[in-house]
Protein backbone atom coordinates (compact mmCIF):
# COMPACT_ATOMS: atom_id res chain seq x y z
CA MET A 1 -0.23 27.40 34.12
CA LYS A 2 0.60 29.23 30.93
CA ASN A 3 3.10 26.37 29.72
CA PHE A 4 0.14 24.06 30.25
CA MET A 5 -2.01 26.05 28.08
CA ILE A 6 0.82 26.26 25.19
CA ASN A 7 1.21 22.54 25.44
CA LYS A 8 -2.37 21.89 25.27
CA LYS A 9 -2.83 23.96 22.15
CA LEU A 10 0.21 22.53 20.73
CA LEU A 11 -1.43 18.91 21.16
CA PHE A 12 -4.67 20.28 19.58
CA ILE A 13 -2.73 21.64 16.48
CA LEU A 14 -0.94 18.38 16.20
CA ARG A 15 -3.91 16.25 16.23
CA VAL A 16 -5.70 18.42 13.57
CA TYR A 17 -2.42 18.38 11.44
CA LYS A 18 -2.23 14.55 11.81
CA LEU A 19 -5.81 14.24 10.91
CA ILE A 20 -5.47 16.37 7.91
CA MET A 21 -2.42 14.28 6.87
CA ASN A 22 -4.22 11.18 7.01
CA LEU A 23 -7.23 12.48 4.94
CA ASN A 24 -4.48 13.20 2.12
CA ARG A 25 -3.09 9.40 2.25
CA ILE A 26 -4.43 6.43 0.83
CA SER A 27 -3.79 2.63 1.85
CA LEU A 28 -2.93 0.29 -0.92
CA TYR A 29 -2.57 -3.53 -0.25
CA ARG A 30 -0.49 -5.90 -2.36
CA ALA A 31 -0.47 -9.70 -2.04
CA VAL A 32 3.23 -10.74 -2.55
CA SER A 33 5.51 -13.70 -2.35
CA GLU A 34 8.31 -14.19 -0.02
CA GLU A 35 10.87 -13.38 -2.70
CA GLU A 36 9.29 -9.91 -3.01
CA ILE A 37 8.99 -9.16 0.50
CA ILE A 38 13.00 -9.42 0.71
CA SER A 39 13.17 -7.29 -2.25
CA VAL A 40 10.93 -4.54 -0.75
CA ARG A 41 12.83 -4.75 2.53
CA MET A 42 16.07 -4.66 0.73
CA ASN A 43 15.32 -1.73 -1.52
CA ASN A 44 12.51 0.17 0.54
CA ALA A 45 10.81 0.15 -2.74
CA PHE A 46 8.91 -2.23 -5.19
CA ILE A 47 11.15 -3.04 -8.10
CA PRO A 48 9.69 -4.72 -11.21
CA HIS A 49 10.96 -8.11 -11.79
CA PRO A 50 12.55 -8.48 -15.22
CA GLU A 51 10.61 -11.52 -16.02
CA HIS A 52 7.03 -10.05 -15.12
CA MET A 53 5.21 -6.95 -15.64
CA ALA A 54 6.70 -3.59 -15.76
CA GLY A 55 4.88 -2.16 -13.17
CA LYS A 56 3.08 -3.09 -9.84
CA TRP A 57 -0.94 -3.49 -9.04
CA PHE A 58 -2.19 -2.91 -5.61
CA ALA A 59 -5.58 -3.48 -4.06
CA GLU A 60 -7.83 -0.81 -2.69
CA ASN A 61 -8.86 -2.83 0.17
CA VAL A 62 -7.14 -5.74 2.07
CA TYR A 63 -9.59 -8.26 1.27
CA ASP A 64 -9.32 -7.96 -2.51
CA ALA A 65 -5.74 -8.14 -2.06
CA VAL A 66 -6.19 -11.56 -0.16
CA LYS A 67 -8.34 -12.88 -2.96
CA TRP A 68 -5.62 -11.73 -5.52
CA GLY A 69 -3.10 -13.92 -3.39
CA LYS A 70 -5.36 -16.86 -3.44
CA LEU A 71 -5.86 -16.49 -6.96
CA PHE A 72 -2.39 -16.42 -7.66
CA TYR A 73 -0.40 -18.24 -5.14
CA THR A 74 -2.02 -21.07 -3.72
CA TRP A 75 -2.53 -22.93 -7.19
CA ASP A 76 1.29 -23.75 -6.69
CA GLN A 77 0.79 -23.98 -3.00
CA LYS A 78 2.83 -20.85 -2.30
CA THR A 79 2.49 -18.91 0.86
CA PHE A 80 1.35 -15.06 0.07
CA TYR A 81 1.95 -12.24 2.28
CA ILE A 82 -0.26 -8.70 2.43
CA ILE A 83 2.10 -5.49 2.34
CA LEU A 84 0.02 -2.47 3.00
CA ILE A 85 1.42 1.18 1.96
CA LYS A 86 0.43 4.52 2.61
CA LEU A 87 1.03 7.43 0.22
CA PRO A 88 -0.01 10.67 -0.56
CA LYS A 89 -3.26 10.66 -2.48
CA GLN A 90 -2.22 12.85 -5.31
CA ILE A 91 0.52 10.11 -6.02
CA ALA A 92 -1.83 7.64 -6.09
CA ASP A 93 -4.31 9.43 -8.39
CA LEU A 94 -1.58 9.26 -11.00
CA MET A 95 -2.01 5.29 -10.80
CA MET A 96 -4.13 3.83 -13.57
CA ARG A 97 -7.32 2.73 -11.95
CA HIS A 98 -9.60 -0.56 -12.61
CA PRO A 99 -12.87 -0.65 -10.91
CA ARG A 100 -13.13 -4.36 -11.09
CA LEU A 101 -9.71 -6.19 -12.16
CA ASN A 102 -9.98 -9.79 -12.47
CA GLY A 103 -13.52 -9.80 -11.18
CA ILE A 104 -12.62 -8.99 -7.88
CA GLY A 105 -12.23 -5.33 -7.08
CA PRO A 106 -10.92 -1.96 -7.58
CA SER A 107 -7.11 -1.74 -7.88
CA ARG A 108 -4.43 0.48 -9.38
CA TYR A 109 -1.33 -0.10 -11.53
CA ALA A 110 1.67 1.95 -11.56
CA GLU A 111 5.00 1.69 -13.74
CA GLY A 112 7.96 3.69 -14.89
CA SER A 113 8.12 7.26 -13.58
CA VAL A 114 4.66 6.80 -11.60
CA LEU A 115 6.19 3.82 -9.67
CA GLU A 116 9.11 5.72 -8.95
CA SER A 117 6.82 8.60 -7.52
CA ILE A 118 5.22 6.10 -5.37
CA ASN A 119 8.67 4.41 -4.15
CA ILE A 120 10.05 8.09 -3.25
CA SER A 121 6.58 9.12 -1.70
CA ILE A 122 5.67 5.81 0.32
CA ASN A 123 5.81 6.92 3.98
CA HIS A 124 4.81 3.45 5.36
CA ILE A 125 5.25 -0.10 4.29
CA GLU A 126 4.00 -2.71 6.34
CA VAL A 127 4.11 -6.48 6.02
CA MET A 128 0.79 -7.56 7.73
CA ASP A 129 0.99 -10.03 10.63
CA PHE A 130 -2.11 -11.62 9.71
CA ILE A 131 -4.09 -12.38 6.49
CA PRO A 132 -7.77 -11.39 7.09
CA PHE A 133 -9.76 -13.70 5.30
CA ASN A 134 -13.69 -12.64 4.53
CA GLY A 135 -15.67 -15.64 3.42
């Protein structure tokens, strides 16, 4: 009976810890090409392309990431994908924030040492299995 009580307390502590950790994490989304997915998977990081911007933009919600994907990839009929990352809020707060980039929605930008901090701090990178469309 004593082991059961210890396990129950431990389970409770683990649930509280997970809740606290999730409160200190932020989810960001990025519309990417197939080439960028390959790069992210190979490097487990976001590497700036030498012929593009020095950093990376991330949407604060998935629906805005889809809008950017449509804006940047469908004009040349390329398929785009959505990547979800989760990182510590204190790292995300280092990013430059724009409240309505391209008239779409809130986004965050990172380059240089901030992008390096993101790459080190990411504990979750996921290519979403579906692209949610919202109107």
